[in-house]
């Protein structure tokens, strides 16, 4: 049978096909000189590869170097975490800091990246979860005492609970990026903890019972909870990484970091951070397995006994601080009394406006109308490079009551409902990876961070330079709950190994 005639294509079309083949990286078309098989006449001998390509074809467009293309998009988020290690100006008023400005740039970078990739940014579940608190925030902003206060409060809440977490979800590609962020938390905690221990040893920390020994890191006495929060996050991340199924060397390093962070956490003299960290670590150990929980718990208790009893690291003051936890009802100190009074004031505001609250940034304005005479005029701060300052009490030091007072039931249900939904999704992902397969460390880190934050919100709220770290935490938790807990990625990671 005689073959039919060969159809010839125009030269311009053949050149276009060659250029597309070179750009796609196909090894069959990328060699020099030889045209694609479809361009050569049937039965014609193939030209040797030493022949130079035609001048008409021109050089292929240069691609970015492989090192540039392999850079993780999560590195800008790591930069936000790293900026929190810089020292703050003494006596600062607690406004937007460098980390807040950098977080805004991260959101902008994420938006530009999405526009260039032309892909759908979030799944329907993620979009609904992040859009849930916006309705309550918008109602509370409209009910604010002034447009400026409403817009300021709206921007702050959107930054912490919507924009930055959504950007983190979109910039974290896989569990490897998740672990990079978790290790950055451990690194920041190690740095802040080292500064805090130095402050205690040299007597250059914040004032505590008349002595400048309280470890506050680089955050200063105006944010005494800043270092305790950072160290707690790092400790939880280190424990989660140590309990995972990664290499033994990585687990050993993480366990060593967790033990080292116990000292600065103790020297922060923060009862709230102690309680939240102890409960969270207990939950992490239980999720990792009861047998491992008993072993590691025994090691942690032994380390605590050696640290406090053997070396006498602030033993007298630590024992007094620990014993004061059980006296918050019988013989509360002034700080506890102020907190109870502020809680009662927040509940009074909610009773006046049960659905929408008194409006964003409205707690300081309505505080005195609902507070009793037991409330002091403020808290005293001193030391750590700053002079004596009396700070006014402008929040109830309880995130749930703050939202309830300013945003009402609508705002509280929207925010807290989203947090509980993330916790449920995160625990569902943990149930998938608890017995076998990769990802157990990510599950323990994400669930631990969210549990710590939910407990801490019972006696703390947003505010201060370290608040932007809370936004990154919610982003990590949301990524695991909405993306990382998917069984498909776990199978891909297992195959890659």
Protein backbone atom coordinates (compact mmCIF):
# COMPACT_ATOMS: atom_id res chain seq x y z
CA UNK A 1 0.00 0.00 0.00
CA UNK A 2 1.45 3.33 -1.08
CA UNK A 3 1.61 5.95 1.72
CA UNK A 4 -0.39 9.11 1.16
CA UNK A 5 1.11 12.53 0.64
CA UNK A 6 2.70 14.23 3.63
CA UNK A 7 0.96 17.43 4.67
CA UNK A 8 3.36 20.37 5.01
CA UNK A 9 2.84 23.13 7.57
CA UNK A 10 3.77 26.78 7.10
CA UNK A 11 7.25 27.73 8.38
CA UNK A 12 5.81 30.29 10.83
CA UNK A 13 3.64 27.61 12.45
CA UNK A 14 6.60 25.23 12.75
CA UNK A 15 8.74 27.93 14.41
CA UNK A 16 5.95 28.66 16.89
CA UNK A 17 5.69 24.95 17.75
CA UNK A 18 9.45 24.77 18.35
CA UNK A 19 9.38 27.78 20.69
CA UNK A 20 6.52 26.31 22.69
CA UNK A 21 8.35 23.00 22.96
CA UNK A 22 11.52 24.71 24.25
CA UNK A 23 9.53 26.70 26.84
CA UNK A 24 7.79 23.55 28.06
CA UNK A 25 11.16 21.91 28.73
CA UNK A 26 10.49 18.83 26.60
CA UNK A 27 13.81 16.93 26.21
CA UNK A 28 12.75 15.61 22.80
CA UNK A 29 12.56 19.12 21.33
CA UNK A 30 15.13 21.00 23.34
CA UNK A 31 18.28 19.55 21.71
CA UNK A 32 20.14 21.90 19.44
CA UNK A 33 19.73 21.77 15.70
CA UNK A 34 17.36 18.88 15.11
CA UNK A 35 13.86 19.96 14.24
CA UNK A 36 10.84 18.21 15.74
CA UNK A 37 9.95 14.94 14.00
CA UNK A 38 6.72 16.44 12.64
CA UNK A 39 8.75 19.14 10.80
CA UNK A 40 11.24 16.82 9.08
CA UNK A 41 10.18 15.10 5.84
CA UNK A 42 9.32 11.42 6.22
CA UNK A 43 12.31 9.24 5.43
CA UNK A 44 14.79 12.16 5.42
CA UNK A 45 18.00 11.56 7.43
CA UNK A 46 18.18 13.38 10.75
CA UNK A 47 20.80 16.08 10.89
CA UNK A 48 23.63 15.60 13.39
CA UNK A 49 23.34 17.43 16.70
CA UNK A 50 26.55 19.36 16.03
CA UNK A 51 24.76 21.50 13.44
CA UNK A 52 23.99 24.93 14.84
CA UNK A 53 20.36 26.01 15.04
CA UNK A 54 18.97 28.41 12.54
CA UNK A 55 19.54 32.08 13.26
CA UNK A 56 15.85 32.68 12.70
CA UNK A 57 14.80 30.64 15.72
CA UNK A 58 16.69 32.91 18.20
CA UNK A 59 17.62 32.08 21.80
CA UNK A 60 14.98 30.74 24.16
CA UNK A 61 13.74 33.15 26.82
CA UNK A 62 15.76 32.86 30.02
CA UNK A 63 13.94 31.32 32.98
CA UNK A 64 14.56 32.41 36.60
CA UNK A 65 17.30 30.50 38.40
CA UNK A 66 16.21 27.30 40.09
CA UNK A 67 17.18 28.69 43.53
CA UNK A 68 14.84 31.65 43.05
CA UNK A 69 11.96 29.51 41.83
CA UNK A 70 12.36 27.09 44.76
CA UNK A 71 12.04 29.79 47.44
CA UNK A 72 9.03 29.18 49.59
CA UNK A 73 6.30 31.84 49.57
CA UNK A 74 6.00 31.38 53.33
CA UNK A 75 9.29 33.22 53.91
CA UNK A 76 7.56 36.64 54.23
CA UNK A 77 5.51 35.19 57.09
CA UNK A 78 8.74 33.96 58.69
CA UNK A 79 10.03 37.52 58.37
CA UNK A 80 7.03 38.77 60.36
CA UNK A 81 7.92 36.33 63.13
CA UNK A 82 11.58 37.37 63.03
CA UNK A 83 10.79 41.09 63.27
CA UNK A 84 9.18 40.46 66.65
CA UNK A 85 12.64 39.71 67.98
CA UNK A 86 13.77 43.32 67.49
CA UNK A 87 13.85 45.54 70.59
CA UNK A 88 11.06 48.07 70.95
CA UNK A 89 11.51 51.68 71.92
CA UNK A 90 11.20 52.15 75.70
CA UNK A 91 8.00 53.73 76.84
CA UNK A 92 6.14 53.07 73.61
CA UNK A 93 2.40 53.59 73.62
CA UNK A 94 1.63 50.22 72.05
CA UNK A 95 0.45 51.34 68.61
CA UNK A 96 1.17 49.62 65.31
CA UNK A 97 4.74 48.36 65.20
CA UNK A 98 7.13 47.06 62.53
CA UNK A 99 5.60 43.57 62.64
CA UNK A 100 2.13 45.01 61.98
CA UNK A 101 3.42 46.98 59.00
CA UNK A 102 5.20 43.91 57.64
CA UNK A 103 2.06 41.82 58.06
CA UNK A 104 0.21 44.31 55.87
CA UNK A 105 2.90 43.85 53.21
CA UNK A 106 2.49 40.08 53.49
CA UNK A 107 -1.23 40.43 52.80
CA UNK A 108 -0.44 42.63 49.79
CA UNK A 109 2.18 40.14 48.55
CA UNK A 110 -0.35 37.33 48.82
CA UNK A 111 -2.95 39.30 46.86
CA UNK A 112 -0.49 40.10 44.06
CA UNK A 113 0.60 36.46 43.93
CA UNK A 114 -3.00 35.31 43.57
CA UNK A 115 -3.62 37.78 40.75
CA UNK A 116 -0.56 36.56 38.87
CA UNK A 117 -1.49 32.90 39.28
CA UNK A 118 -5.14 33.54 38.40
CA UNK A 119 -6.50 30.84 40.67
CA UNK A 120 -9.31 30.67 43.16
CA UNK A 121 -7.86 31.88 46.45
CA UNK A 122 -9.83 29.85 49.02
CA UNK A 123 -12.17 26.91 49.14
CA UNK A 124 -15.81 27.49 49.96
CA UNK A 125 -15.37 26.22 53.49
CA UNK A 126 -12.37 28.46 54.13
CA UNK A 127 -14.08 31.49 52.61
CA UNK A 128 -17.15 30.93 54.79
CA UNK A 129 -15.01 30.47 57.88
CA UNK A 130 -13.10 33.71 57.35
CA UNK A 131 -16.19 35.65 56.29
CA UNK A 132 -18.16 34.56 59.37
CA UNK A 133 -16.82 37.22 61.79
CA UNK A 134 -17.02 40.03 59.25
CA UNK A 135 -20.78 40.47 59.68
CA UNK A 136 -20.52 40.90 63.44
CA UNK A 137 -17.56 43.24 63.07
CA UNK A 138 -19.43 45.40 60.57
CA UNK A 139 -22.44 45.73 62.89
CA UNK A 140 -20.19 46.58 65.85
CA UNK A 141 -18.27 49.15 63.78
CA UNK A 142 -21.51 50.90 62.82
CA UNK A 143 -22.46 51.06 66.49
CA UNK A 144 -19.16 52.62 67.58
CA UNK A 145 -19.13 55.99 69.31
CA UNK A 146 -17.28 57.62 66.39
CA UNK A 147 -16.43 56.67 62.81
CA UNK A 148 -12.73 56.82 63.59
CA UNK A 149 -13.03 54.39 66.49
CA UNK A 150 -15.18 52.06 64.39
CA UNK A 151 -12.76 51.99 61.47
CA UNK A 152 -9.73 51.55 63.74
CA UNK A 153 -11.30 48.66 65.60
CA UNK A 154 -12.57 47.08 62.40
CA UNK A 155 -9.13 47.21 60.81
CA UNK A 156 -7.49 45.66 63.86
CA UNK A 157 -9.94 42.78 64.09
CA UNK A 158 -9.75 42.12 60.35
CA UNK A 159 -5.96 42.06 60.54
CA UNK A 160 -5.81 39.58 63.41
CA UNK A 161 -8.69 37.25 62.59
CA UNK A 162 -9.27 37.50 58.81
CA UNK A 163 -6.60 39.02 56.57
CA UNK A 164 -3.32 37.75 58.02
CA UNK A 165 -4.66 34.23 58.77
CA UNK A 166 -6.07 33.96 55.25
CA UNK A 167 -2.71 35.07 53.80
CA UNK A 168 -0.91 32.42 55.86
CA UNK A 169 -3.31 29.75 54.59
CA UNK A 170 -2.60 30.77 50.99
CA UNK A 171 1.19 31.08 51.37
CA UNK A 172 1.79 27.77 53.14
CA UNK A 173 2.14 25.23 50.34
CA UNK A 174 2.58 21.98 52.24
CA UNK A 175 3.54 20.48 55.55
CA UNK A 176 7.18 21.32 54.99
CA UNK A 177 6.29 25.02 54.94
CA UNK A 178 4.18 24.47 58.05
CA UNK A 179 7.21 23.02 59.84
CA UNK A 180 9.35 25.97 58.73
CA UNK A 181 6.90 28.34 60.41
CA UNK A 182 6.76 26.15 63.52
CA UNK A 183 10.56 26.19 63.81
CA UNK A 184 10.55 29.97 63.38
CA UNK A 185 8.27 30.13 66.44
CA UNK A 186 10.77 28.01 68.34
CA UNK A 187 13.63 30.25 67.22
CA UNK A 188 11.84 33.43 68.28
CA UNK A 189 10.97 31.86 71.63
CA UNK A 190 14.59 30.87 72.16
CA UNK A 191 15.80 34.40 71.48
CA UNK A 192 13.19 36.09 73.65
CA UNK A 193 13.74 33.49 76.36
CA UNK A 194 17.50 34.09 76.36
CA UNK A 195 16.94 37.83 76.74
CA UNK A 196 14.47 37.17 79.56
CA UNK A 197 16.84 34.89 81.49
CA UNK A 198 19.57 37.51 81.12
CA UNK A 199 17.19 40.13 82.53
CA UNK A 200 16.46 37.95 85.56
CA UNK A 201 20.11 37.12 86.23
CA UNK A 202 21.36 40.70 85.85
CA UNK A 203 18.37 42.40 87.47
CA UNK A 204 17.46 44.39 84.36
CA UNK A 205 13.96 43.06 83.84
CA UNK A 206 10.57 44.53 84.62
CA UNK A 207 9.58 45.39 88.15
CA UNK A 208 8.11 42.55 90.23
CA UNK A 209 7.57 42.90 93.99
CA UNK A 210 9.99 45.80 94.13
CA UNK A 211 12.78 44.06 92.18
CA UNK A 212 13.57 44.37 88.47
CA UNK A 213 13.76 40.64 87.83
CA UNK A 214 10.69 39.85 85.72
CA UNK A 215 11.64 38.42 82.32
CA UNK A 216 9.88 40.36 79.55
CA UNK A 217 12.29 39.94 76.63
CA UNK A 218 12.44 42.77 74.13
CA UNK A 219 8.76 43.70 74.62
CA UNK A 220 9.35 45.86 77.68
CA UNK A 221 7.22 46.31 80.81
CA UNK A 222 4.28 47.73 78.81
CA UNK A 223 3.68 44.23 77.38
CA UNK A 224 4.62 41.90 80.21
CA UNK A 225 2.66 39.08 78.57
CA UNK A 226 4.54 39.43 75.27
CA UNK A 227 7.55 37.25 76.11
CA UNK A 228 5.41 34.74 78.01
CA UNK A 229 3.14 34.38 74.96
CA UNK A 230 6.05 33.94 72.54
CA UNK A 231 7.81 31.41 74.77
CA UNK A 232 4.56 29.48 75.24
CA UNK A 233 4.02 29.31 71.48
CA UNK A 234 7.59 28.12 70.96
CA UNK A 235 7.28 25.52 73.69
CA UNK A 236 4.06 24.13 72.21
CA UNK A 237 5.60 23.99 68.73
CA UNK A 238 8.72 22.27 70.07
CA UNK A 239 6.68 19.64 71.91
CA UNK A 240 4.55 19.00 68.84
CA UNK A 241 7.63 18.59 66.65
CA UNK A 242 9.27 16.31 69.22
CA UNK A 243 6.22 14.04 69.38
CA UNK A 244 5.94 13.64 65.61
CA UNK A 245 7.35 10.98 63.31
CA UNK A 246 10.17 12.97 61.74
CA UNK A 247 13.84 12.03 61.94
CA UNK A 248 15.20 11.15 65.37
CA UNK A 249 17.70 14.00 65.22
CA UNK A 250 14.98 16.56 64.59
CA UNK A 251 12.85 15.18 67.40
CA UNK A 252 15.81 15.30 69.81
CA UNK A 253 16.55 18.93 68.93
CA UNK A 254 12.90 19.86 69.41
CA UNK A 255 12.77 18.10 72.78
CA UNK A 256 15.92 19.94 73.90
CA UNK A 257 14.40 23.27 72.86
CA UNK A 258 11.23 22.48 74.81
CA UNK A 259 13.21 21.78 77.98
CA UNK A 260 15.28 24.94 77.54
CA UNK A 261 12.14 27.09 77.21
CA UNK A 262 10.83 26.02 80.60
CA UNK A 263 13.18 28.39 82.42
CA UNK A 264 12.16 31.67 80.69
CA UNK A 265 8.49 30.67 80.92
CA UNK A 266 8.87 30.25 84.68
CA UNK A 267 10.77 33.54 85.04
CA UNK A 268 8.00 35.43 83.25
CA UNK A 269 5.92 35.06 86.46
CA UNK A 270 2.81 34.89 84.27
CA UNK A 271 0.22 32.70 85.96
CA UNK A 272 -2.03 32.74 82.92
CA UNK A 273 0.73 31.51 80.60
CA UNK A 274 1.64 28.77 83.09
CA UNK A 275 -1.92 27.48 83.30
CA UNK A 276 -2.53 27.59 79.54
CA UNK A 277 0.80 25.94 78.72
CA UNK A 278 0.40 23.19 81.31
CA UNK A 279 -3.09 22.29 80.09
CA UNK A 280 -2.10 22.47 76.42
CA UNK A 281 1.01 20.32 76.82
CA UNK A 282 -1.06 17.76 78.70
CA UNK A 283 -3.53 17.62 75.82
CA UNK A 284 -0.67 17.28 73.31
CA UNK A 285 0.83 14.38 75.22
CA UNK A 286 -2.53 12.62 75.42
CA UNK A 287 -3.08 13.10 71.68
CA UNK A 288 0.38 11.67 71.00
CA UNK A 289 -0.35 8.51 73.03
CA UNK A 290 -0.85 7.68 76.68
CA UNK A 291 2.40 5.71 77.03
CA UNK A 292 4.48 8.52 75.58
CA UNK A 293 2.57 11.00 77.72
CA UNK A 294 3.58 9.21 80.93
CA UNK A 295 7.24 9.00 79.92
CA UNK A 296 7.59 12.61 78.81
CA UNK A 297 5.53 13.85 81.75
CA UNK A 298 7.95 12.18 84.15
CA UNK A 299 10.90 13.81 82.38
CA UNK A 300 9.22 17.25 82.51
CA UNK A 301 8.49 16.91 86.23
CA UNK A 302 12.07 15.88 86.90
CA UNK A 303 13.38 18.83 84.90
CA UNK A 304 11.13 21.21 86.84
CA UNK A 305 12.31 19.82 90.19
CA UNK A 306 15.95 20.17 89.17
CA UNK A 307 15.39 23.65 87.77
CA UNK A 308 13.61 25.07 90.81
CA UNK A 309 14.75 22.86 93.66
CA UNK A 310 18.24 21.91 92.60
CA UNK A 311 19.48 25.19 91.15
CA UNK A 312 17.11 27.44 93.12
CA UNK A 313 15.99 29.45 90.08
CA UNK A 314 13.77 32.02 91.80
CA UNK A 315 12.39 29.25 94.00
CA UNK A 316 10.91 31.45 96.74
CA UNK A 317 9.17 33.85 94.36
CA UNK A 318 8.03 31.05 92.06
CA UNK A 319 6.53 29.11 94.96
CA UNK A 320 4.72 32.22 96.15
CA UNK A 321 3.45 32.93 92.61
CA UNK A 322 2.26 29.35 92.15
CA UNK A 323 0.52 29.32 95.51
CA UNK A 324 -1.29 32.55 94.61
CA UNK A 325 -3.10 30.67 91.82
CA UNK A 326 -5.14 28.79 94.41
CA UNK A 327 -5.90 31.99 96.34
CA UNK A 328 -7.70 33.91 93.58
CA UNK A 329 -11.05 33.32 95.31
CA UNK A 330 -10.14 33.39 99.01
CA UNK A 331 -7.49 36.13 99.15
CA UNK A 332 -7.12 37.76 95.72
CA UNK A 333 -4.46 40.40 95.18
CA UNK A 334 -5.20 43.77 93.57
CA UNK A 335 -4.55 42.55 90.03
CA UNK A 336 -7.08 39.74 90.46
CA UNK A 337 -9.59 42.14 92.05
CA UNK A 338 -9.22 44.53 89.11
CA UNK A 339 -9.78 41.67 86.71
CA UNK A 340 -12.97 40.54 88.44
CA UNK A 341 -14.23 44.13 88.42
CA UNK A 342 -13.49 44.54 84.72
CA UNK A 343 -15.29 41.29 83.95
CA UNK A 344 -18.37 42.48 85.80
CA UNK A 345 -18.21 45.76 83.88
CA UNK A 346 -18.11 43.92 80.55
CA UNK A 347 -21.10 41.80 81.52
CA UNK A 348 -22.99 44.98 82.44
CA UNK A 349 -22.33 46.46 79.00
CA UNK A 350 -23.56 43.29 77.33
CA UNK A 351 -26.80 43.39 79.30
CA UNK A 352 -27.51 46.86 77.92
CA UNK A 353 -26.91 45.82 74.29
CA UNK A 354 -27.16 42.01 74.20
CA UNK A 355 -27.15 41.54 70.42
CA UNK A 356 -24.73 44.12 68.99
CA UNK A 357 -22.82 45.39 72.05
CA UNK A 358 -21.68 48.94 72.73
CA UNK A 359 -19.56 49.15 69.55
CA UNK A 360 -15.91 48.62 68.73
CA UNK A 361 -13.47 50.47 71.00
CA UNK A 362 -16.39 51.22 73.31
CA UNK A 363 -15.22 49.41 76.46
CA UNK A 364 -13.04 52.25 77.88
CA UNK A 365 -15.84 54.77 77.41
CA UNK A 366 -18.47 52.65 79.19
CA UNK A 367 -16.20 51.07 81.80
CA UNK A 368 -16.69 53.50 84.67
CA UNK A 369 -20.47 53.44 84.33
CA UNK A 370 -20.50 49.71 85.14
CA UNK A 371 -17.42 49.26 87.36
CA UNK A 372 -17.45 49.21 91.16
CA UNK A 373 -15.24 51.23 93.49
CA UNK A 374 -12.91 48.25 93.91
CA UNK A 375 -11.34 49.00 90.52
CA UNK A 376 -7.96 50.72 90.74
CA UNK A 377 -6.91 53.57 88.48
CA UNK A 378 -4.36 51.49 86.61
CA UNK A 379 -1.41 49.10 86.80
CA UNK A 380 2.14 50.18 87.58
CA UNK A 381 4.98 49.26 85.22
CA UNK A 382 8.68 49.94 85.64
CA UNK A 383 12.10 48.58 84.71
CA UNK A 384 13.50 46.89 81.59
CA UNK A 385 14.87 50.18 80.25
CA UNK A 386 11.67 52.13 80.88
CA UNK A 387 10.68 54.53 83.62
CA UNK A 388 7.69 54.33 85.92
CA UNK A 389 4.41 54.34 84.00
CA UNK A 390 0.87 53.91 85.28
CA UNK A 391 -1.13 52.19 82.57
CA UNK A 392 -4.91 52.62 82.48
CA UNK A 393 -7.10 49.53 82.40
CA UNK A 394 -8.77 49.80 78.99
CA UNK A 395 -9.91 46.19 78.45
CA UNK A 396 -11.48 43.45 80.56
CA UNK A 397 -8.48 41.11 80.07
CA UNK A 398 -10.85 38.47 78.75
CA UNK A 399 -11.28 38.14 75.00
CA UNK A 400 -14.68 36.52 75.19
CA UNK A 401 -16.08 39.21 77.47
CA UNK A 402 -14.47 41.95 75.38
CA UNK A 403 -16.19 40.65 72.24
CA UNK A 404 -19.43 40.16 74.15
CA UNK A 405 -19.38 43.73 75.48
CA UNK A 406 -18.41 45.46 72.22
CA UNK A 407 -19.97 43.14 69.59
CA UNK A 408 -22.74 41.39 71.48
CA UNK A 409 -23.94 37.84 70.99
CA UNK A 410 -23.73 38.15 67.20
CA UNK A 411 -20.04 38.96 67.26
CA UNK A 412 -19.18 36.37 69.91
CA UNK A 413 -20.99 33.57 68.12
CA UNK A 414 -19.32 34.50 64.84
CA UNK A 415 -15.77 34.64 66.23
CA UNK A 416 -15.95 31.81 68.76
CA UNK A 417 -17.96 29.68 66.34
CA UNK A 418 -15.19 29.94 63.77
CA UNK A 419 -12.57 29.00 66.36
CA UNK A 420 -14.53 25.95 67.48
CA UNK A 421 -15.04 24.91 63.84
CA UNK A 422 -11.28 25.09 63.26
CA UNK A 423 -10.66 23.03 66.38
CA UNK A 424 -13.12 20.38 65.22
CA UNK A 425 -11.53 20.21 61.76
CA UNK A 426 -8.04 20.09 63.27
CA UNK A 427 -8.95 17.21 65.57
CA UNK A 428 -10.51 15.40 62.63
CA UNK A 429 -7.20 15.74 60.78
CA UNK A 430 -5.37 14.46 63.86
CA UNK A 431 -7.58 11.37 63.89
CA UNK A 432 -6.46 10.63 60.33
CA UNK A 433 -2.72 10.75 61.04
CA UNK A 434 -2.49 9.57 64.65
CA UNK A 435 -1.75 5.90 63.89
CA UNK A 436 0.43 6.02 60.80
CA UNK A 437 1.65 8.28 58.05
CA UNK A 438 3.24 11.73 58.16
CA UNK A 439 1.68 14.83 59.62
CA UNK A 440 1.28 13.94 63.30
CA UNK A 441 3.67 16.73 64.33
CA UNK A 442 1.67 19.29 62.34
CA UNK A 443 -1.57 18.11 63.94
CA UNK A 444 -0.12 18.37 67.45
CA UNK A 445 1.31 21.83 66.78
CA UNK A 446 -1.88 23.21 65.24
CA UNK A 447 -4.25 21.76 67.83
CA UNK A 448 -1.92 22.77 70.64
CA UNK A 449 -1.62 26.37 69.48
CA UNK A 450 -5.38 26.76 69.14
CA UNK A 451 -6.11 25.14 72.51
CA UNK A 452 -3.53 27.40 74.19
CA UNK A 453 -5.06 30.47 72.58
CA UNK A 454 -8.61 29.53 73.56
CA UNK A 455 -7.52 29.02 77.18
CA UNK A 456 -5.45 32.20 77.24
CA UNK A 457 -8.40 34.23 75.96
CA UNK A 458 -10.13 33.53 79.28
CA UNK A 459 -7.82 36.01 81.05
CA UNK A 460 -6.22 37.95 78.19
CA UNK A 461 -7.25 39.75 75.01
CA UNK A 462 -5.61 41.19 71.91
CA UNK A 463 -3.27 44.12 72.34
CA UNK A 464 0.42 44.89 72.26
CA UNK A 465 3.20 44.17 69.74
CA UNK A 466 2.92 40.40 70.15
CA UNK A 467 -0.69 40.38 68.90
CA UNK A 468 0.40 39.95 65.27
CA UNK A 469 1.84 36.58 66.30
CA UNK A 470 -1.69 35.56 67.29
CA UNK A 471 -2.76 36.26 63.70
CA UNK A 472 -0.02 33.97 62.38
CA UNK A 473 -1.11 31.30 64.86
CA UNK A 474 -4.69 31.43 63.59
CA UNK A 475 -3.33 31.16 60.05
CA UNK A 476 -1.33 28.03 60.91
CA UNK A 477 -4.29 26.47 62.65
CA UNK A 478 -6.62 27.32 59.75
CA UNK A 479 -4.19 25.82 57.21
CA UNK A 480 -4.05 22.52 59.07
CA UNK A 481 -7.81 22.45 59.66
CA UNK A 482 -8.78 23.37 56.09
CA UNK A 483 -5.89 22.17 53.91
CA UNK A 484 -3.18 20.19 55.69
CA UNK A 485 -5.50 17.69 57.32
CA UNK A 486 -6.54 16.41 53.90
CA UNK A 487 -5.57 12.78 53.52
CA UNK A 488 -4.48 13.33 49.91
CA UNK A 489 -1.53 15.49 50.89
CA UNK A 490 -0.46 12.98 53.52
CA UNK A 491 -0.32 10.26 50.86
CA UNK A 492 1.72 12.49 48.56
CA UNK A 493 4.17 13.29 51.35
CA UNK A 494 4.54 9.62 52.21
CA UNK A 495 5.28 8.77 48.59
CA UNK A 496 7.84 11.60 48.39
CA UNK A 497 9.70 10.07 51.30
